[in-house]
Protein backbone atom coordinates (compact mmCIF):
# COMPACT_ATOMS: atom_id res chain seq x y z
CA MET A 1 6.34 8.34 -49.87
CA TYR A 2 5.73 4.82 -51.05
CA ALA A 3 4.60 3.48 -47.88
CA ARG A 4 2.36 6.50 -47.37
CA ALA A 5 0.71 6.03 -50.88
CA LYS A 6 0.12 2.21 -49.91
CA ASN A 7 -1.52 3.27 -46.71
CA TYR A 8 -3.70 5.89 -48.48
CA LEU A 9 -4.80 3.26 -51.07
CA GLY A 10 -5.74 0.86 -48.11
CA TRP A 11 -7.96 3.48 -46.52
CA THR A 12 -9.85 3.78 -49.84
CA LEU A 13 -10.71 0.26 -49.69
CA VAL A 14 -12.00 0.33 -46.18
CA LEU A 15 -15.53 1.61 -46.68
CA PRO A 16 -16.21 -0.53 -49.70
CA ALA A 17 -15.08 -3.61 -47.82
CA LEU A 18 -17.45 -2.78 -44.89
CA ALA A 19 -20.15 -2.07 -47.39
CA ALA A 20 -19.74 -5.69 -48.68
CA LEU A 21 -19.78 -7.03 -45.30
CA LEU A 22 -22.98 -5.35 -44.44
CA ALA A 23 -24.57 -6.15 -47.81
CA SER A 24 -23.59 -10.02 -47.34
CA VAL A 25 -25.41 -9.94 -43.85
CA LEU A 26 -28.48 -8.29 -45.32
CA GLN A 27 -28.62 -10.56 -48.27
CA ALA A 28 -28.24 -13.74 -45.92
CA ASP A 29 -31.27 -12.27 -43.81
CA ALA A 30 -33.30 -11.79 -47.04
CA ALA A 31 -32.44 -15.27 -48.12
CA ARG A 32 -33.70 -16.68 -44.67
CA ARG A 33 -36.98 -14.72 -44.76
CA GLY A 34 -37.51 -15.95 -48.37
CA THR A 35 -37.65 -19.50 -47.07
CA GLY A 36 -40.18 -18.38 -44.21
CA ALA A 37 -37.59 -18.95 -41.44
CA VAL A 38 -38.05 -16.70 -38.32
CA PRO A 39 -35.61 -13.71 -38.54
CA TRP A 40 -32.69 -13.55 -36.18
CA LEU A 41 -33.84 -16.88 -34.74
CA ASP A 42 -31.06 -17.37 -32.28
CA TRP A 43 -31.12 -13.79 -30.97
CA GLN A 44 -34.91 -14.19 -30.68
CA THR A 45 -34.26 -17.30 -28.67
CA TYR A 46 -31.86 -15.33 -26.41
CA ALA A 47 -34.22 -12.45 -26.12
CA ASN A 48 -37.26 -14.46 -25.14
CA ALA A 49 -35.13 -16.42 -22.63
CA THR A 50 -34.21 -13.04 -20.98
CA GLN A 51 -37.61 -11.65 -20.86
CA ARG A 52 -39.14 -14.84 -19.73
CA PHE A 53 -36.44 -15.23 -16.70
CA PHE A 54 -36.95 -11.57 -15.65
CA ALA A 55 -40.84 -11.96 -15.84
CA GLY A 56 -40.54 -14.76 -13.22
CA GLY A 57 -40.64 -17.64 -15.58
CA ASN A 58 -38.20 -20.64 -16.28
CA LEU A 59 -35.27 -20.39 -18.51
CA TYR A 60 -35.61 -23.96 -19.60
CA ASP A 61 -38.60 -25.22 -21.43
CA SER A 62 -40.64 -27.88 -19.81
CA SER A 63 -40.04 -30.16 -22.88
CA GLN A 64 -36.27 -29.88 -22.14
CA LEU A 65 -36.85 -31.28 -18.40
CA ALA A 66 -39.33 -34.13 -19.46
CA GLY A 67 -37.11 -36.14 -21.55
CA PRO A 68 -34.93 -36.55 -24.61
CA TYR A 69 -35.42 -33.81 -27.02
CA LEU A 70 -33.96 -32.18 -30.10
CA LEU A 71 -32.55 -28.43 -29.66
CA PRO A 72 -34.30 -27.25 -33.06
CA LYS A 73 -37.67 -28.33 -31.37
CA VAL A 74 -37.23 -25.72 -28.60
CA VAL A 75 -35.87 -23.00 -30.35
CA GLU A 76 -37.76 -19.58 -29.26
CA VAL A 77 -39.15 -21.33 -26.11
CA GLY A 78 -36.12 -23.06 -24.54
CA TYR A 79 -32.49 -22.12 -23.73
CA ALA A 80 -29.40 -24.07 -23.98
CA TYR A 81 -26.74 -22.17 -21.93
CA PRO A 82 -25.70 -21.81 -18.19
CA PRO A 83 -27.90 -19.78 -16.19
CA PRO A 84 -25.31 -16.75 -15.52
CA SER A 85 -25.19 -16.08 -19.19
CA ILE A 86 -28.50 -14.63 -19.16
CA PHE A 87 -27.14 -11.53 -17.58
CA LEU A 88 -24.70 -10.91 -20.54
CA LEU A 89 -27.74 -10.90 -22.72
CA VAL A 90 -29.54 -8.23 -20.89
CA PRO A 91 -28.40 -5.07 -22.78
CA PHE A 92 -29.22 -6.82 -26.09
CA SER A 93 -32.78 -8.11 -25.42
CA GLY A 94 -34.88 -4.90 -26.00
CA GLY A 95 -36.45 -4.97 -29.52
CA THR A 96 -34.76 -3.66 -32.52
CA PRO A 97 -32.15 -1.60 -30.87
CA GLY A 98 -31.13 -4.53 -28.88
CA LEU A 99 -30.84 -6.87 -31.92
CA ILE A 100 -28.76 -4.06 -33.69
CA ALA A 101 -26.45 -3.78 -30.72
CA TRP A 102 -26.02 -7.52 -30.51
CA LEU A 103 -25.20 -7.93 -34.14
CA VAL A 104 -22.69 -5.03 -34.06
CA PHE A 105 -21.05 -6.11 -30.79
CA ASN A 106 -20.56 -9.75 -32.26
CA ALA A 107 -19.40 -8.56 -35.70
CA CYS A 108 -17.03 -6.08 -34.09
CA LEU A 109 -15.41 -8.71 -31.94
CA LEU A 110 -14.75 -11.03 -34.95
CA LEU A 111 -13.76 -8.43 -37.34
CA SER A 112 -11.21 -6.88 -34.86
CA GLY A 113 -9.94 -10.06 -33.90
CA VAL A 114 -9.18 -11.27 -37.47
CA THR A 115 -7.88 -7.68 -38.28
CA ALA A 116 -5.53 -7.97 -35.35
CA ILE A 117 -4.31 -11.34 -36.50
CA LEU A 118 -3.45 -9.91 -39.96
CA ARG A 119 -1.66 -6.99 -38.23
CA VAL A 120 0.43 -8.95 -35.99
CA SER A 121 1.37 -12.07 -37.90
CA MET A 122 1.06 -10.84 -41.50
CA ARG A 123 2.34 -7.42 -40.65
CA LEU A 124 -0.22 -5.42 -42.74
CA GLY A 125 -1.18 -1.86 -42.03
CA PHE A 126 -4.55 -1.40 -40.35
CA PRO A 127 -6.49 -0.32 -43.26
CA TRP A 128 -5.38 -3.16 -45.46
CA ALA A 129 -5.82 -5.68 -42.47
CA LEU A 130 -9.38 -4.36 -41.93
CA SER A 131 -10.30 -4.33 -45.57
CA LEU A 132 -8.96 -7.94 -45.94
CA ALA A 133 -10.76 -9.10 -42.93
CA ALA A 134 -13.96 -7.55 -44.01
CA ILE A 135 -13.89 -8.90 -47.66
CA SER A 136 -12.98 -12.57 -46.43
CA LEU A 137 -15.73 -12.54 -43.99
CA SER A 138 -18.28 -11.12 -46.28
CA VAL A 139 -17.84 -14.22 -48.66
CA TYR A 140 -17.63 -16.67 -45.88
CA GLY A 141 -21.07 -18.49 -45.43
CA PRO A 142 -20.57 -19.53 -41.79
CA PHE A 143 -20.16 -15.65 -40.98
CA THR A 144 -23.27 -14.49 -42.95
CA ASP A 145 -25.16 -17.47 -41.54
CA GLY A 146 -24.20 -16.65 -37.90
CA MET A 147 -25.23 -13.15 -38.36
CA ALA A 148 -28.46 -13.83 -40.10
CA VAL A 149 -29.54 -15.87 -36.97
CA GLY A 150 -27.86 -13.71 -34.50
CA ASN A 151 -25.89 -16.56 -32.93
CA MET A 152 -23.27 -15.87 -30.18
CA ASN A 153 -20.71 -18.12 -32.03
CA VAL A 154 -19.61 -14.88 -34.14
CA GLY A 155 -18.54 -13.17 -31.03
CA LEU A 156 -16.92 -16.25 -29.45
CA ALA A 157 -15.02 -16.90 -32.74
CA GLY A 158 -13.59 -13.24 -32.21
CA LEU A 159 -12.54 -14.01 -28.79
CA PHE A 160 -10.86 -17.10 -30.13
CA ALA A 161 -9.03 -14.93 -32.50
CA TRP A 162 -8.08 -12.33 -29.90
CA SER A 163 -6.70 -15.37 -27.95
CA TRP A 164 -4.03 -15.92 -30.56
CA VAL A 165 -2.94 -12.17 -30.75
CA LEU A 166 -2.77 -11.74 -27.14
CA HIS A 167 -1.62 -15.03 -25.49
CA GLU A 168 1.95 -14.01 -25.04
CA ARG A 169 1.07 -10.45 -23.95
CA ARG A 170 -1.79 -10.84 -21.39
CA LYS A 171 -1.90 -13.14 -18.42
CA TRP A 172 -5.74 -13.00 -17.99
CA LEU A 173 -6.52 -15.56 -20.86
CA GLY A 174 -7.55 -18.13 -18.14
CA ALA A 175 -10.09 -15.54 -16.69
CA VAL A 176 -11.64 -14.91 -20.12
CA ALA A 177 -11.90 -18.64 -20.72
CA GLY A 178 -13.60 -19.05 -17.32
CA LEU A 179 -15.99 -16.08 -18.47
CA VAL A 180 -16.80 -17.50 -21.79
CA ALA A 181 -17.47 -20.86 -20.38
CA LEU A 182 -20.57 -19.53 -18.61
CA THR A 183 -21.79 -18.46 -22.05
CA LYS A 184 -21.21 -21.43 -23.98
CA ILE A 185 -19.39 -24.47 -22.17
CA PHE A 186 -17.13 -25.34 -24.99
CA PRO A 187 -15.06 -22.11 -25.49
CA GLY A 188 -14.05 -22.62 -21.84
CA SER A 189 -11.47 -24.92 -23.61
CA LEU A 190 -9.36 -21.82 -24.31
CA VAL A 191 -8.05 -22.34 -20.73
CA ALA A 192 -5.82 -25.11 -22.21
CA TRP A 193 -4.38 -22.44 -24.65
CA ALA A 194 -3.87 -19.98 -21.81
CA TRP A 195 -2.16 -22.82 -19.75
CA ARG A 196 0.14 -23.43 -22.58
CA SER A 197 1.35 -19.73 -22.47
CA HIS A 198 1.32 -19.03 -18.76
CA GLY A 199 1.17 -22.40 -16.85
CA TRP A 200 -1.36 -24.08 -14.55
CA SER A 201 -2.26 -20.75 -12.85
CA GLN A 202 -4.61 -20.08 -15.77
CA PHE A 203 -6.72 -23.11 -14.53
CA ARG A 204 -7.09 -21.42 -11.31
CA ASN A 205 -7.97 -18.13 -12.86
CA ALA A 206 -10.53 -19.71 -14.90
CA ALA A 207 -12.02 -21.65 -11.91
CA LEU A 208 -11.91 -18.50 -9.84
CA VAL A 209 -13.87 -16.45 -12.45
CA ALA A 210 -16.29 -19.06 -13.39
CA GLY A 211 -17.03 -19.98 -9.89
CA GLY A 212 -17.15 -16.39 -8.61
CA ILE A 213 -19.68 -15.45 -11.19
CA SER A 214 -21.73 -18.55 -10.59
CA LEU A 215 -21.67 -17.76 -6.69
CA ILE A 216 -22.55 -14.12 -7.11
CA THR A 217 -25.49 -14.84 -9.32
CA LEU A 218 -26.78 -17.83 -7.47
CA PRO A 219 -29.17 -15.76 -5.28
CA LEU A 220 -30.55 -14.30 -8.51
CA VAL A 221 -30.91 -17.54 -10.64
CA GLY A 222 -31.46 -20.00 -7.89
CA VAL A 223 -30.22 -23.58 -7.29
CA GLN A 224 -33.29 -24.85 -9.36
CA GLU A 225 -32.31 -23.15 -12.68
CA TRP A 226 -28.81 -24.93 -12.36
CA ALA A 227 -30.51 -28.20 -11.66
CA ASP A 228 -32.80 -27.61 -14.83
CA PHE A 229 -29.63 -26.68 -16.82
CA ALA A 230 -27.97 -29.86 -16.10
CA ARG A 231 -31.06 -31.94 -16.75
CA ALA A 232 -31.60 -30.04 -20.12
CA VAL A 233 -28.08 -30.66 -21.23
CA THR A 234 -28.38 -34.23 -20.39
CA ASN A 235 -31.64 -34.62 -22.18
CA ALA A 236 -30.46 -32.92 -25.14
CA ARG A 237 -29.93 -35.41 -28.24
CA PRO A 238 -28.10 -34.33 -31.69
CA ALA A 239 -30.42 -33.31 -34.22
CA CYS A 240 -27.85 -33.98 -37.07
CA VAL A 241 -29.12 -31.46 -39.55
CA GLY A 242 -27.31 -28.49 -41.17
CA HIS A 243 -23.99 -28.07 -42.87
CA GLY A 244 -21.61 -29.43 -40.41
CA VAL A 245 -20.62 -33.21 -39.55
CA SER A 246 -19.90 -33.87 -35.90
CA PHE A 247 -18.23 -36.93 -34.48
CA ALA A 248 -21.62 -37.81 -32.90
CA CYS A 249 -23.58 -37.45 -36.06
CA ALA A 250 -21.03 -39.17 -38.31
CA MET A 251 -20.35 -42.05 -36.10
CA GLY A 252 -23.65 -42.36 -34.31
CA PRO A 253 -25.33 -44.76 -36.98
CA ALA A 254 -22.54 -47.23 -36.76
CA ILE A 255 -21.66 -47.33 -33.21
CA GLY A 256 -24.48 -45.74 -31.46
CA MET A 257 -24.96 -42.24 -30.40
CA GLY A 258 -23.35 -42.64 -26.87
CA ALA A 259 -20.47 -44.11 -27.96
CA ALA A 260 -20.03 -41.56 -30.82
CA GLN A 261 -20.23 -38.92 -28.21
CA LEU A 262 -17.43 -40.54 -26.07
CA VAL A 263 -15.29 -40.61 -29.45
CA GLY A 264 -15.63 -36.89 -29.54
CA PHE A 265 -14.60 -36.45 -26.11
CA ALA A 266 -11.64 -38.71 -26.58
CA VAL A 267 -10.58 -36.83 -29.73
CA ALA A 268 -10.73 -33.55 -27.62
CA LEU A 269 -8.67 -34.84 -24.76
CA ALA A 270 -5.97 -36.24 -27.12
CA ALA A 271 -5.88 -32.73 -29.05
CA PHE A 272 -5.57 -30.94 -25.65
CA ALA A 273 -2.72 -33.26 -24.85
CA THR A 274 -0.96 -32.79 -28.07
CA ALA A 275 -1.36 -29.06 -28.08
CA MET A 276 0.45 -28.89 -24.65
CA PHE A 277 3.76 -30.33 -25.99
CA VAL A 278 3.98 -29.63 -29.62
CA SER A 279 6.60 -26.84 -30.30
CA SER A 280 4.53 -25.01 -33.23
CA PRO A 281 2.32 -22.39 -31.46
CA VAL A 282 0.10 -22.49 -34.85
CA LEU A 283 -0.27 -26.11 -34.64
CA ALA A 284 -1.04 -26.08 -30.97
CA PHE A 285 -3.76 -23.34 -31.59
CA GLY A 286 -5.18 -25.49 -34.38
CA LEU A 287 -5.32 -28.36 -31.93
CA VAL A 288 -7.05 -26.31 -29.16
CA GLY A 289 -9.63 -25.57 -32.07
CA LEU A 290 -10.25 -29.14 -32.63
CA ALA A 291 -10.56 -29.85 -29.01
CA MET A 292 -13.22 -27.24 -28.62
CA LEU A 293 -15.47 -28.58 -31.46
CA ALA A 294 -14.84 -32.36 -31.27
CA PRO A 295 -17.61 -32.81 -28.31
CA VAL A 296 -20.06 -30.71 -30.12
CA THR A 297 -22.81 -32.82 -31.45
CA ASP A 298 -24.86 -30.50 -33.46
CA MET A 299 -22.09 -28.55 -35.83
CA TRP A 300 -24.45 -25.80 -37.02
CA PHE A 301 -22.92 -23.96 -40.12
CA HIS A 302 -21.62 -20.99 -38.05
CA TYR A 303 -19.52 -23.27 -35.85
CA TRP A 304 -17.18 -23.40 -38.85
CA LEU A 305 -16.04 -19.79 -37.83
CA TYR A 306 -13.61 -21.30 -35.45
CA PRO A 307 -11.79 -23.42 -38.26
CA TYR A 308 -11.94 -20.17 -40.07
CA VAL A 309 -9.86 -18.24 -37.43
CA VAL A 310 -7.45 -21.12 -37.29
CA VAL A 311 -6.76 -21.08 -41.05
CA VAL A 312 -6.38 -17.41 -40.93
CA VAL A 313 -3.68 -17.77 -38.12
CA GLY A 314 -1.86 -20.38 -40.27
CA LEU A 315 -1.90 -18.33 -43.42
CA ALA A 316 -0.95 -15.21 -41.79
CA TYR A 317 1.80 -16.83 -39.92
CA VAL A 318 3.37 -18.60 -42.98
CA LEU A 319 2.79 -15.64 -45.48
CA GLY A 320 3.86 -13.00 -42.94
CA PRO A 321 7.57 -13.36 -43.46
CA ARG A 322 7.15 -13.27 -47.24
CA LEU A 323 5.59 -9.76 -47.41
CA SER A 324 7.42 -6.77 -48.28
CA PRO A 325 8.18 -5.04 -44.94
CA ASP A 326 6.72 -1.56 -46.30
CA ILE A 327 2.97 -2.51 -46.46
CA GLY A 328 1.49 0.22 -44.69
CA ASP A 329 1.94 1.29 -41.06
CA ARG A 330 3.11 -2.18 -39.52
CA PRO A 331 2.52 -2.71 -35.96
CA ARG A 332 5.56 -2.64 -33.58
CA ILE A 333 5.11 -6.18 -32.34
CA ASP A 334 7.97 -8.68 -32.84
CA ARG A 335 7.06 -12.04 -34.51
CA GLU A 336 8.22 -13.71 -31.65
CA ALA A 337 5.45 -12.36 -29.38
CA THR A 338 2.99 -14.20 -31.48
């Protein structure tokens, strides 16, 4: 009876929590519009690139190919991701319905991932976990910022969260890492997390998926788009603006931007190596998160969604055993499986 009452109380919190989540996104969008910023800027960039490509144009702007440039200068007219990623964006590029579908898709990936962490590691019943996840995201600036611009980091952070929940129960994490590496390169680092759980075969799975998709889509995108992508990535320079501090931007003024970027890669390699051998899965997960972000040159505000996931994992893992076992309908997953 007590457990049922707790579950009922949890369900009464779900709708207010989801309403708060929606209100926080709308408020962030209104705040951006108040500054004169382009609404849903990153989604607009993705949609423009998709429409431009299927109209016979180039994915990457001429300014990205001509020489060094700053990414904020090519927003809406350029593109910064591997060519095959354009096919993921097709269902979400069609005006307002596409925008709504994109926002819901990304928000659901992250919300479900955080909810699953709380279910598995903290042993919360579903309504309590969902409500807590929604409330925490509604007051977390990087989430509302990422949603207000429509950036894909929201959904990728959700996949990062799911990689914690399922890493001992699914052997396709390497394949997922290969897939997400074709959207943004750095999340492909998740292959190291998959390797820690299931061995070197995960590198093979990641390579097969990434290579297979690249080959299948090559006749559609062409070799030239891949060459343009390589040049656009090489020519990109850190803008060093926003709320995040990367290794490149923090150390660049002192040792030079090129050397500072090498420091970021060195930190990533060191974090990878350490993650493979530490005994604590939580520490290893945090190190993989560090390895993902260390080479990133422009740490926009929404990149802090990845540390948020790591913190949720750590807190849930530590607090889970201290909670009363009768909090709602606990999932039947042993702690050792997490």
